[in-house]
PDB file of N, CA and C in Angstrom:
ATOM      1  N   MET A   1      32.167  32.402  65.123  1.00  0.00           N
ATOM      2  CA  MET A   1      33.207  32.980  65.987  1.00  0.00           C
ATOM      3  C   MET A   1      34.522  32.247  65.792  1.00  0.00           C
ATOM      4  N   ASP A   2      34.464  30.918  65.592  1.00  0.00           N
ATOM      5  CA  ASP A   2      35.666  30.149  65.421  1.00  0.00           C
ATOM      6  C   ASP A   2      36.524  30.645  64.221  1.00  0.00           C
ATOM      7  N   SER A   3      35.778  30.969  63.102  1.00  0.00           N
ATOM      8  CA  SER A   3      36.475  31.491  61.920  1.00  0.00           C
ATOM      9  C   SER A   3      37.150  32.813  62.182  1.00  0.00           C
ATOM     10  N   GLN A   4      36.483  33.640  62.999  1.00  0.00           N
ATOM     11  CA  GLN A   4      37.048  34.954  63.317  1.00  0.00           C
ATOM     12  C   GLN A   4      38.352  34.785  64.119  1.00  0.00           C
ATOM     13  N   ILE A   5      38.302  33.770  65.046  1.00  0.00           N
ATOM     14  CA  ILE A   5      39.496  33.529  65.869  1.00  0.00           C
ATOM     15  C   ILE A   5      40.590  33.041  64.956  1.00  0.00           C
ATOM     16  N   ARG A   6      40.314  32.138  64.052  1.00  0.00           N
ATOM     17  CA  ARG A   6      41.348  31.644  63.124  1.00  0.00           C
ATOM     18  C   ARG A   6      41.914  32.755  62.264  1.00  0.00           C
ATOM     19  N   ILE A   7      41.085  33.634  61.782  1.00  0.00           N
ATOM     20  CA  ILE A   7      41.544  34.770  60.951  1.00  0.00           C
ATOM     21  C   ILE A   7      42.495  35.620  61.797  1.00  0.00           C
ATOM     22  N   SER A   8      42.056  35.882  63.011  1.00  0.00           N
ATOM     23  CA  SER A   8      42.849  36.754  63.899  1.00  0.00           C
ATOM     24  C   SER A   8      44.157  36.066  64.291  1.00  0.00           C
ATOM     25  N   ASP A   9      44.123  34.796  64.501  1.00  0.00           N
ATOM     26  CA  ASP A   9      45.360  34.054  64.798  1.00  0.00           C
ATOM     27  C   ASP A   9      46.373  34.148  63.666  1.00  0.00           C
ATOM     28  N   LEU A  10      45.868  33.876  62.437  1.00  0.00           N
ATOM     29  CA  LEU A  10      46.743  33.903  61.231  1.00  0.00           C
ATOM     30  C   LEU A  10      47.235  35.361  61.037  1.00  0.00           C
ATOM     31  N   GLU A  11      46.351  36.302  61.187  1.00  0.00           N
ATOM     32  CA  GLU A  11      46.660  37.748  61.075  1.00  0.00           C
ATOM     33  C   GLU A  11      47.863  38.080  62.008  1.00  0.00           C
ATOM     34  N   ASN A  12      47.814  37.638  63.264  1.00  0.00           N
ATOM     35  CA  ASN A  12      48.845  37.916  64.227  1.00  0.00           C
ATOM     36  C   ASN A  12      50.189  37.336  63.843  1.00  0.00           C
ATOM     37  N   ILE A  13      50.165  36.102  63.305  1.00  0.00           N
ATOM     38  CA  ILE A  13      51.386  35.453  62.862  1.00  0.00           C
ATOM     39  C   ILE A  13      51.979  36.226  61.698  1.00  0.00           C
ATOM     40  N   ILE A  14      51.175  36.516  60.667  1.00  0.00           N
ATOM     41  CA  ILE A  14      51.594  37.214  59.457  1.00  0.00           C
ATOM     42  C   ILE A  14      52.105  38.616  59.869  1.00  0.00           C
ATOM     43  N   SER A  15      51.408  39.269  60.803  1.00  0.00           N
ATOM     44  CA  SER A  15      51.800  40.643  61.243  1.00  0.00           C
ATOM     45  C   SER A  15      53.291  40.682  61.712  1.00  0.00           C
ATOM     46  N   GLU A  16      53.705  39.619  62.367  1.00  0.00           N
ATOM     47  CA  GLU A  16      55.028  39.631  63.024  1.00  0.00           C
ATOM     48  C   GLU A  16      56.088  39.045  62.167  1.00  0.00           C
ATOM     49  N   LYS A  17      55.769  38.250  61.131  1.00  0.00           N
ATOM     50  CA  LYS A  17      56.734  37.489  60.385  1.00  0.00           C
ATOM     51  C   LYS A  17      56.927  37.880  58.909  1.00  0.00           C
ATOM     52  N   VAL A  18      55.935  38.465  58.287  1.00  0.00           N
ATOM     53  CA  VAL A  18      56.015  38.766  56.843  1.00  0.00           C
ATOM     54  C   VAL A  18      56.150  40.270  56.699  1.00  0.00           C
ATOM     55  N   PHE A  19      57.058  40.661  55.762  1.00  0.00           N
ATOM     56  CA  PHE A  19      57.260  42.106  55.527  1.00  0.00           C
ATOM     57  C   PHE A  19      57.443  42.422  54.071  1.00  0.00           C
ATOM     58  N   ILE A  20      57.211  43.690  53.781  1.00  0.00           N
ATOM     59  CA  ILE A  20      57.433  44.251  52.482  1.00  0.00           C
ATOM     60  C   ILE A  20      58.917  44.753  52.500  1.00  0.00           C
ATOM     61  N   LYS A  21      59.583  44.502  51.406  1.00  0.00           N
ATOM     62  CA  LYS A  21      61.031  44.880  51.296  1.00  0.00           C
ATOM     63  C   LYS A  21      61.134  46.059  50.318  1.00  0.00           C
ATOM     64  N   ILE A  22      61.594  47.211  50.779  1.00  0.00           N
ATOM     65  CA  ILE A  22      61.880  48.360  49.926  1.00  0.00           C
ATOM     66  C   ILE A  22      63.291  48.788  50.201  1.00  0.00           C
ATOM     67  N   GLU A  23      64.170  48.578  49.197  1.00  0.00           N
ATOM     68  CA  GLU A  23      65.600  48.841  49.429  1.00  0.00           C
ATOM     69  C   GLU A  23      66.084  48.019  50.603  1.00  0.00           C
ATOM     70  N   LYS A  24      66.584  48.710  51.631  1.00  0.00           N
ATOM     71  CA  LYS A  24      67.045  48.020  52.875  1.00  0.00           C
ATOM     72  C   LYS A  24      66.031  48.102  53.976  1.00  0.00           C
ATOM     73  N   TRP A  25      64.853  48.516  53.672  1.00  0.00           N
ATOM     74  CA  TRP A  25      63.858  48.795  54.664  1.00  0.00           C
ATOM     75  C   TRP A  25      62.815  47.643  54.682  1.00  0.00           C
ATOM     76  N   ASN A  26      62.500  47.165  55.857  1.00  0.00           N
ATOM     77  CA  ASN A  26      61.442  46.076  56.030  1.00  0.00           C
ATOM     78  C   ASN A  26      60.251  46.700  56.753  1.00  0.00           C
ATOM     79  N   LEU A  27      59.121  46.605  56.065  1.00  0.00           N
ATOM     80  CA  LEU A  27      57.859  47.086  56.677  1.00  0.00           C
ATOM     81  C   LEU A  27      56.961  45.856  56.894  1.00  0.00           C
ATOM     82  N   TYR A  28      56.806  45.462  58.147  1.00  0.00           N
ATOM     83  CA  TYR A  28      55.958  44.332  58.498  1.00  0.00           C
ATOM     84  C   TYR A  28      54.531  44.574  58.128  1.00  0.00           C
ATOM     85  N   LEU A  29      53.842  43.496  57.660  1.00  0.00           N
ATOM     86  CA  LEU A  29      52.505  43.709  57.176  1.00  0.00           C
ATOM     87  C   LEU A  29      51.541  44.155  58.247  1.00  0.00           C
ATOM     88  N   GLY A  30      51.805  43.799  59.489  1.00  0.00           N
ATOM     89  CA  GLY A  30      50.979  44.335  60.563  1.00  0.00           C
ATOM     90  C   GLY A  30      51.036  45.833  60.683  1.00  0.00           C
ATOM     91  N   ASP A  31      52.243  46.408  60.571  1.00  0.00           N
ATOM     92  CA  ASP A  31      52.472  47.836  60.587  1.00  0.00           C
ATOM     93  C   ASP A  31      51.880  48.510  59.343  1.00  0.00           C
ATOM     94  N   ALA A  32      51.902  47.803  58.240  1.00  0.00           N
ATOM     95  CA  ALA A  32      51.348  48.344  56.984  1.00  0.00           C
ATOM     96  C   ALA A  32      49.842  48.220  56.874  1.00  0.00           C
ATOM     97  N   GLY A  33      49.240  47.472  57.814  1.00  0.00           N
ATOM     98  CA  GLY A  33      47.789  47.373  57.804  1.00  0.00           C
ATOM     99  C   GLY A  33      47.325  46.381  56.703  1.00  0.00           C
ATOM    100  N   LEU A  34      48.192  45.454  56.348  1.00  0.00           N
ATOM    101  CA  LEU A  34      47.888  44.463  55.303  1.00  0.00           C
ATOM    102  C   LEU A  34      47.668  43.031  55.790  1.00  0.00           C
ATOM    103  N   ALA A  35      48.030  42.758  57.043  1.00  0.00           N
ATOM    104  CA  ALA A  35      48.051  41.425  57.585  1.00  0.00           C
ATOM    105  C   ALA A  35      46.651  40.762  57.554  1.00  0.00           C
ATOM    106  N   ARG A  36      45.647  41.457  57.974  1.00  0.00           N
ATOM    107  CA  ARG A  36      44.291  40.898  58.038  1.00  0.00           C
ATOM    108  C   ARG A  36      43.781  40.520  56.677  1.00  0.00           C
ATOM    109  N   HIS A  37      43.984  41.454  55.719  1.00  0.00           N
ATOM    110  CA  HIS A  37      43.507  41.204  54.358  1.00  0.00           C
ATOM    111  C   HIS A  37      44.204  39.961  53.805  1.00  0.00           C
ATOM    112  N   LEU A  38      45.514  39.878  54.065  1.00  0.00           N
ATOM    113  CA  LEU A  38      46.254  38.695  53.595  1.00  0.00           C
ATOM    114  C   LEU A  38      45.803  37.438  54.242  1.00  0.00           C
ATOM    115  N   ALA A  39      45.515  37.472  55.522  1.00  0.00           N
ATOM    116  CA  ALA A  39      45.011  36.270  56.276  1.00  0.00           C
ATOM    117  C   ALA A  39      43.698  35.805  55.699  1.00  0.00           C
ATOM    118  N   ILE A  40      42.808  36.761  55.427  1.00  0.00           N
ATOM    119  CA  ILE A  40      41.508  36.380  54.873  1.00  0.00           C
ATOM    120  C   ILE A  40      41.676  35.747  53.476  1.00  0.00           C
ATOM    121  N   GLU A  41      42.485  36.336  52.650  1.00  0.00           N
ATOM    122  CA  GLU A  41      42.754  35.789  51.298  1.00  0.00           C
ATOM    123  C   GLU A  41      43.343  34.400  51.394  1.00  0.00           C
ATOM    124  N   CYS A  42      44.333  34.225  52.253  1.00  0.00           N
ATOM    125  CA  CYS A  42      44.999  32.925  52.412  1.00  0.00           C
ATOM    126  C   CYS A  42      43.994  31.829  52.847  1.00  0.00           C
ATOM    127  N   ILE A  43      43.167  32.170  53.783  1.00  0.00           N
ATOM    128  CA  ILE A  43      42.169  31.207  54.282  1.00  0.00           C
ATOM    129  C   ILE A  43      41.159  30.890  53.176  1.00  0.00           C
ATOM    130  N   SER A  44      40.820  31.869  52.382  1.00  0.00           N
ATOM    131  CA  SER A  44      39.842  31.676  51.276  1.00  0.00           C
ATOM    132  C   SER A  44      40.484  30.814  50.171  1.00  0.00           C
ATOM    133  N   ASN A  45      41.818  30.739  50.061  1.00  0.00           N
ATOM    134  CA  ASN A  45      42.494  29.928  49.076  1.00  0.00           C
ATOM    135  C   ASN A  45      43.074  28.664  49.652  1.00  0.00           C
ATOM    136  N   LYS A  46      42.696  28.317  50.864  1.00  0.00           N
ATOM    137  CA  LYS A  46      43.272  27.174  51.572  1.00  0.00           C
ATOM    138  C   LYS A  46      43.209  25.870  50.780  1.00  0.00           C
ATOM    139  N   ASP A  47      42.135  25.629  50.030  1.00  0.00           N
ATOM    140  CA  ASP A  47      41.988  24.388  49.289  1.00  0.00           C
ATOM    141  C   ASP A  47      43.070  24.197  48.163  1.00  0.00           C
ATOM    142  N   ARG A  48      43.752  25.233  47.823  1.00  0.00           N
ATOM    143  CA  ARG A  48      44.809  25.144  46.817  1.00  0.00           C
ATOM    144  C   ARG A  48      46.178  24.721  47.291  1.00  0.00           C
ATOM    145  N   GLY A  49      46.274  24.521  48.599  1.00  0.00           N
ATOM    146  CA  GLY A  49      47.546  24.179  49.231  1.00  0.00           C
ATOM    147  C   GLY A  49      48.353  25.403  49.671  1.00  0.00           C
ATOM    148  N   PRO A  50      49.298  25.214  50.572  1.00  0.00           N
ATOM    149  CA  PRO A  50      49.989  26.411  51.119  1.00  0.00           C
ATOM    150  C   PRO A  50      50.703  27.298  50.161  1.00  0.00           C
ATOM    151  N   LEU A  51      51.491  26.705  49.194  1.00  0.00           N
ATOM    152  CA  LEU A  51      52.265  27.550  48.296  1.00  0.00           C
ATOM    153  C   LEU A  51      51.350  28.292  47.353  1.00  0.00           C
ATOM    154  N   GLU A  52      50.387  27.640  46.747  1.00  0.00           N
ATOM    155  CA  GLU A  52      49.465  28.295  45.818  1.00  0.00           C
ATOM    156  C   GLU A  52      48.626  29.307  46.576  1.00  0.00           C
ATOM    157  N   ALA A  53      48.174  28.972  47.741  1.00  0.00           N
ATOM    158  CA  ALA A  53      47.389  29.928  48.511  1.00  0.00           C
ATOM    159  C   ALA A  53      48.150  31.182  48.786  1.00  0.00           C
ATOM    160  N   ALA A  54      49.502  31.042  49.133  1.00  0.00           N
ATOM    161  CA  ALA A  54      50.294  32.198  49.389  1.00  0.00           C
ATOM    162  C   ALA A  54      50.445  33.048  48.101  1.00  0.00           C
ATOM    163  N   LYS A  55      50.788  32.407  47.012  1.00  0.00           N
ATOM    164  CA  LYS A  55      51.015  33.122  45.787  1.00  0.00           C
ATOM    165  C   LYS A  55      49.796  33.837  45.234  1.00  0.00           C
ATOM    166  N   ILE A  56      48.677  33.112  45.242  1.00  0.00           N
ATOM    167  CA  ILE A  56      47.397  33.679  44.748  1.00  0.00           C
ATOM    168  C   ILE A  56      46.964  34.828  45.583  1.00  0.00           C
ATOM    169  N   SER A  57      47.082  34.649  46.910  1.00  0.00           N
ATOM    170  CA  SER A  57      46.721  35.715  47.817  1.00  0.00           C
ATOM    171  C   SER A  57      47.579  36.957  47.704  1.00  0.00           C
ATOM    172  N   LEU A  58      48.887  36.765  47.526  1.00  0.00           N
ATOM    173  CA  LEU A  58      49.779  37.904  47.359  1.00  0.00           C
ATOM    174  C   LEU A  58      49.551  38.642  46.013  1.00  0.00           C
ATOM    175  N   LYS A  59      49.176  37.890  44.995  1.00  0.00           N
ATOM    176  CA  LYS A  59      48.838  38.512  43.730  1.00  0.00           C
ATOM    177  C   LYS A  59      47.536  39.291  43.730  1.00  0.00           C
ATOM    178  N   THR A  60      46.600  38.830  44.558  1.00  0.00           N
ATOM    179  CA  THR A  60      45.269  39.393  44.626  1.00  0.00           C
ATOM    180  C   THR A  60      45.231  40.755  45.304  1.00  0.00           C
ATOM    181  N   ILE A  61      46.055  40.939  46.307  1.00  0.00           N
ATOM    182  CA  ILE A  61      46.097  42.123  47.149  1.00  0.00           C
ATOM    183  C   ILE A  61      46.901  43.207  46.424  1.00  0.00           C
ATOM    184  N   ASN A  62      46.282  44.384  46.197  1.00  0.00           N
ATOM    185  CA  ASN A  62      46.976  45.503  45.635  1.00  0.00           C
ATOM    186  C   ASN A  62      47.266  46.563  46.744  1.00  0.00           C
ATOM    187  N   VAL A  63      48.490  47.011  46.747  1.00  0.00           N
ATOM    188  CA  VAL A  63      48.921  47.974  47.749  1.00  0.00           C
ATOM    189  C   VAL A  63      48.954  49.356  47.117  1.00  0.00           C
ATOM    190  N   LYS A  64      48.222  50.269  47.683  1.00  0.00           N
ATOM    191  CA  LYS A  64      48.200  51.642  47.154  1.00  0.00           C
ATOM    192  C   LYS A  64      49.492  52.337  47.497  1.00  0.00           C
ATOM    193  N   VAL A  65      50.020  53.072  46.512  1.00  0.00           N
ATOM    194  CA  VAL A  65      51.288  53.806  46.747  1.00  0.00           C
ATOM    195  C   VAL A  65      51.062  55.281  46.475  1.00  0.00           C
ATOM    196  N   GLY A  66      51.915  56.078  47.048  1.00  0.00           N
ATOM    197  CA  GLY A  66      51.761  57.535  46.888  1.00  0.00           C
ATOM    198  C   GLY A  66      50.453  58.066  47.383  1.00  0.00           C
ATOM    199  N   ASN A  67      49.754  58.766  46.544  1.00  0.00           N
ATOM    200  CA  ASN A  67      48.443  59.331  46.916  1.00  0.00           C
ATOM    201  C   ASN A  67      47.293  58.384  46.675  1.00  0.00           C
ATOM    202  N   GLY A  68      47.596  57.073  46.404  1.00  0.00           N
ATOM    203  CA  GLY A  68      46.565  56.080  46.224  1.00  0.00           C
ATOM    204  C   GLY A  68      46.024  55.887  44.812  1.00  0.00           C
ATOM    205  N   VAL A  69      46.514  56.711  43.938  1.00  0.00           N
ATOM    206  CA  VAL A  69      46.083  56.590  42.539  1.00  0.00           C
ATOM    207  C   VAL A  69      46.661  55.327  41.890  1.00  0.00           C
ATOM    208  N   ASN A  70      47.854  54.992  42.230  1.00  0.00           N
ATOM    209  CA  ASN A  70      48.535  53.771  41.702  1.00  0.00           C
ATOM    210  C   ASN A  70      48.591  52.716  42.794  1.00  0.00           C
ATOM    211  N   SER A  71      48.614  51.491  42.311  1.00  0.00           N
ATOM    212  CA  SER A  71      48.761  50.337  43.255  1.00  0.00           C
ATOM    213  C   SER A  71      49.677  49.311  42.613  1.00  0.00           C
ATOM    214  N   ILE A  72      50.276  48.523  43.500  1.00  0.00           N
ATOM    215  CA  ILE A  72      51.177  47.412  43.143  1.00  0.00           C
ATOM    216  C   ILE A  72      50.746  46.172  43.761  1.00  0.00           C
ATOM    217  N   PRO A  73      50.724  45.012  43.047  1.00  0.00           N
ATOM    218  CA  PRO A  73      50.402  43.785  43.675  1.00  0.00           C
ATOM    219  C   PRO A  73      51.351  43.482  44.823  1.00  0.00           C
ATOM    220  N   LEU A  74      50.837  43.062  45.912  1.00  0.00           N
ATOM    221  CA  LEU A  74      51.690  42.728  47.128  1.00  0.00           C
ATOM    222  C   LEU A  74      52.793  41.829  46.817  1.00  0.00           C
ATOM    223  N   ILE A  75      52.584  40.821  45.893  1.00  0.00           N
ATOM    224  CA  ILE A  75      53.675  39.879  45.593  1.00  0.00           C
ATOM    225  C   ILE A  75      54.889  40.586  44.981  1.00  0.00           C
ATOM    226  N   ASN A  76      54.718  41.695  44.361  1.00  0.00           N
ATOM    227  CA  ASN A  76      55.898  42.458  43.793  1.00  0.00           C
ATOM    228  C   ASN A  76      56.677  43.213  44.904  1.00  0.00           C
ATOM    229  N   LEU A  77      56.197  43.283  46.090  1.00  0.00           N
ATOM    230  CA  LEU A  77      56.878  43.976  47.154  1.00  0.00           C
ATOM    231  C   LEU A  77      57.523  43.007  48.169  1.00  0.00           C
ATOM    232  N   ILE A  78      57.331  41.727  47.929  1.00  0.00           N
ATOM    233  CA  ILE A  78      57.774  40.753  48.948  1.00  0.00           C
ATOM    234  C   ILE A  78      58.861  39.923  48.260  1.00  0.00           C
ATOM    235  N   THR A  79      59.921  39.624  49.026  1.00  0.00           N
ATOM    236  CA  THR A  79      61.009  38.770  48.484  1.00  0.00           C
ATOM    237  C   THR A  79      60.594  37.321  48.419  1.00  0.00           C
ATOM    238  N   THR A  80      61.354  36.565  47.612  1.00  0.00           N
ATOM    239  CA  THR A  80      61.102  35.118  47.486  1.00  0.00           C
ATOM    240  C   THR A  80      61.148  34.456  48.832  1.00  0.00           C
ATOM    241  N   SER A  81      62.106  34.811  49.682  1.00  0.00           N
ATOM    242  CA  SER A  81      62.224  34.186  51.004  1.00  0.00           C
ATOM    243  C   SER A  81      60.958  34.480  51.831  1.00  0.00           C
ATOM    244  N   GLN A  82      60.365  35.650  51.681  1.00  0.00           N
ATOM    245  CA  GLN A  82      59.174  35.968  52.390  1.00  0.00           C
ATOM    246  C   GLN A  82      57.955  35.181  51.893  1.00  0.00           C
ATOM    247  N   ILE A  83      57.944  34.861  50.578  1.00  0.00           N
ATOM    248  CA  ILE A  83      56.902  34.009  50.085  1.00  0.00           C
ATOM    249  C   ILE A  83      56.993  32.632  50.689  1.00  0.00           C
ATOM    250  N   PHE A  84      58.194  32.120  50.774  1.00  0.00           N
ATOM    251  CA  PHE A  84      58.411  30.827  51.405  1.00  0.00           C
ATOM    252  C   PHE A  84      58.092  30.828  52.898  1.00  0.00           C
ATOM    253  N   GLU A  85      58.364  31.966  53.554  1.00  0.00           N
ATOM    254  CA  GLU A  85      58.026  32.151  54.995  1.00  0.00           C
ATOM    255  C   GLU A  85      56.492  32.074  55.123  1.00  0.00           C
ATOM    256  N   LEU A  86      55.766  32.746  54.229  1.00  0.00           N
ATOM    257  CA  LEU A  86      54.324  32.729  54.277  1.00  0.00           C
ATOM    258  C   LEU A  86      53.807  31.303  54.009  1.00  0.00           C
ATOM    259  N   GLU A  87      54.450  30.625  53.067  1.00  0.00           N
ATOM    260  CA  GLU A  87      54.032  29.227  52.775  1.00  0.00           C
ATOM    261  C   GLU A  87      54.260  28.316  54.023  1.00  0.00           C
ATOM    262  N   GLU A  88      55.355  28.504  54.728  1.00  0.00           N
ATOM    263  CA  GLU A  88      55.583  27.699  55.970  1.00  0.00           C
ATOM    264  C   GLU A  88      54.563  28.069  56.994  1.00  0.00           C
ATOM    265  N   ILE A  89      54.224  29.337  57.143  1.00  0.00           N
ATOM    266  CA  ILE A  89      53.200  29.723  58.111  1.00  0.00           C
ATOM    267  C   ILE A  89      51.870  29.068  57.781  1.00  0.00           C
ATOM    268  N   LEU A  90      51.502  29.104  56.506  1.00  0.00           N
ATOM    269  CA  LEU A  90      50.233  28.528  56.066  1.00  0.00           C
ATOM    270  C   LEU A  90      50.198  26.985  56.244  1.00  0.00           C
ATOM    271  N   GLU A  91      51.363  26.379  55.924  1.00  0.00           N
ATOM    272  CA  GLU A  91      51.467  24.893  56.058  1.00  0.00           C
ATOM    273  C   GLU A  91      51.166  24.498  57.533  1.00  0.00           C
ATOM    274  N   SER A  92      51.787  25.142  58.476  1.00  0.00           N
ATOM    275  CA  SER A  92      51.605  24.778  59.847  1.00  0.00           C
ATOM    276  C   SER A  92      50.178  25.225  60.318  1.00  0.00           C
ATOM    277  N   PHE A  93      49.700  26.351  59.815  1.00  0.00           N
ATOM    278  CA  PHE A  93      48.389  26.852  60.252  1.00  0.00           C
ATOM    279  C   PHE A  93      47.297  25.977  59.706  1.00  0.00           C
ATOM    280  N   PHE A  94      47.391  25.530  58.462  1.00  0.00           N
ATOM    281  CA  PHE A  94      46.361  24.701  57.849  1.00  0.00           C
ATOM    282  C   PHE A  94      46.319  23.295  58.420  1.00  0.00           C
ATOM    283  N   GLU A  95      47.437  22.857  58.991  1.00  0.00           N
ATOM    284  CA  GLU A  95      47.468  21.539  59.600  1.00  0.00           C
ATOM    285  C   GLU A  95      46.650  21.480  60.863  1.00  0.00           C
ATOM    286  N   ASN A  96      46.563  22.589  61.584  1.00  0.00           N
ATOM    287  CA  ASN A  96      45.850  22.660  62.889  1.00  0.00           C
ATOM    288  C   ASN A  96      44.378  22.733  62.677  1.00  0.00           C
TER     289      ASN A  96
END
């Protein structure tokens, strides 16, 4: 149960703070339905440290586009500043 709470806690933080950037449009990962998957990936990569956990997790998750035939790695849809935001989130989350 404790691990489920931690996943949900991280999911909630990611949902509100990390977004996909398309042109001038920001789609938060909670609204896109990607926050939980990212939280799980980040926790599974925790032993690699916050920055590597963020990058590896973002590369692992593929986002379906259009009718779902094509997909793009999540890292390609997120700005560098958002990668650093995720790293900071993980840094403080992993410390607790």
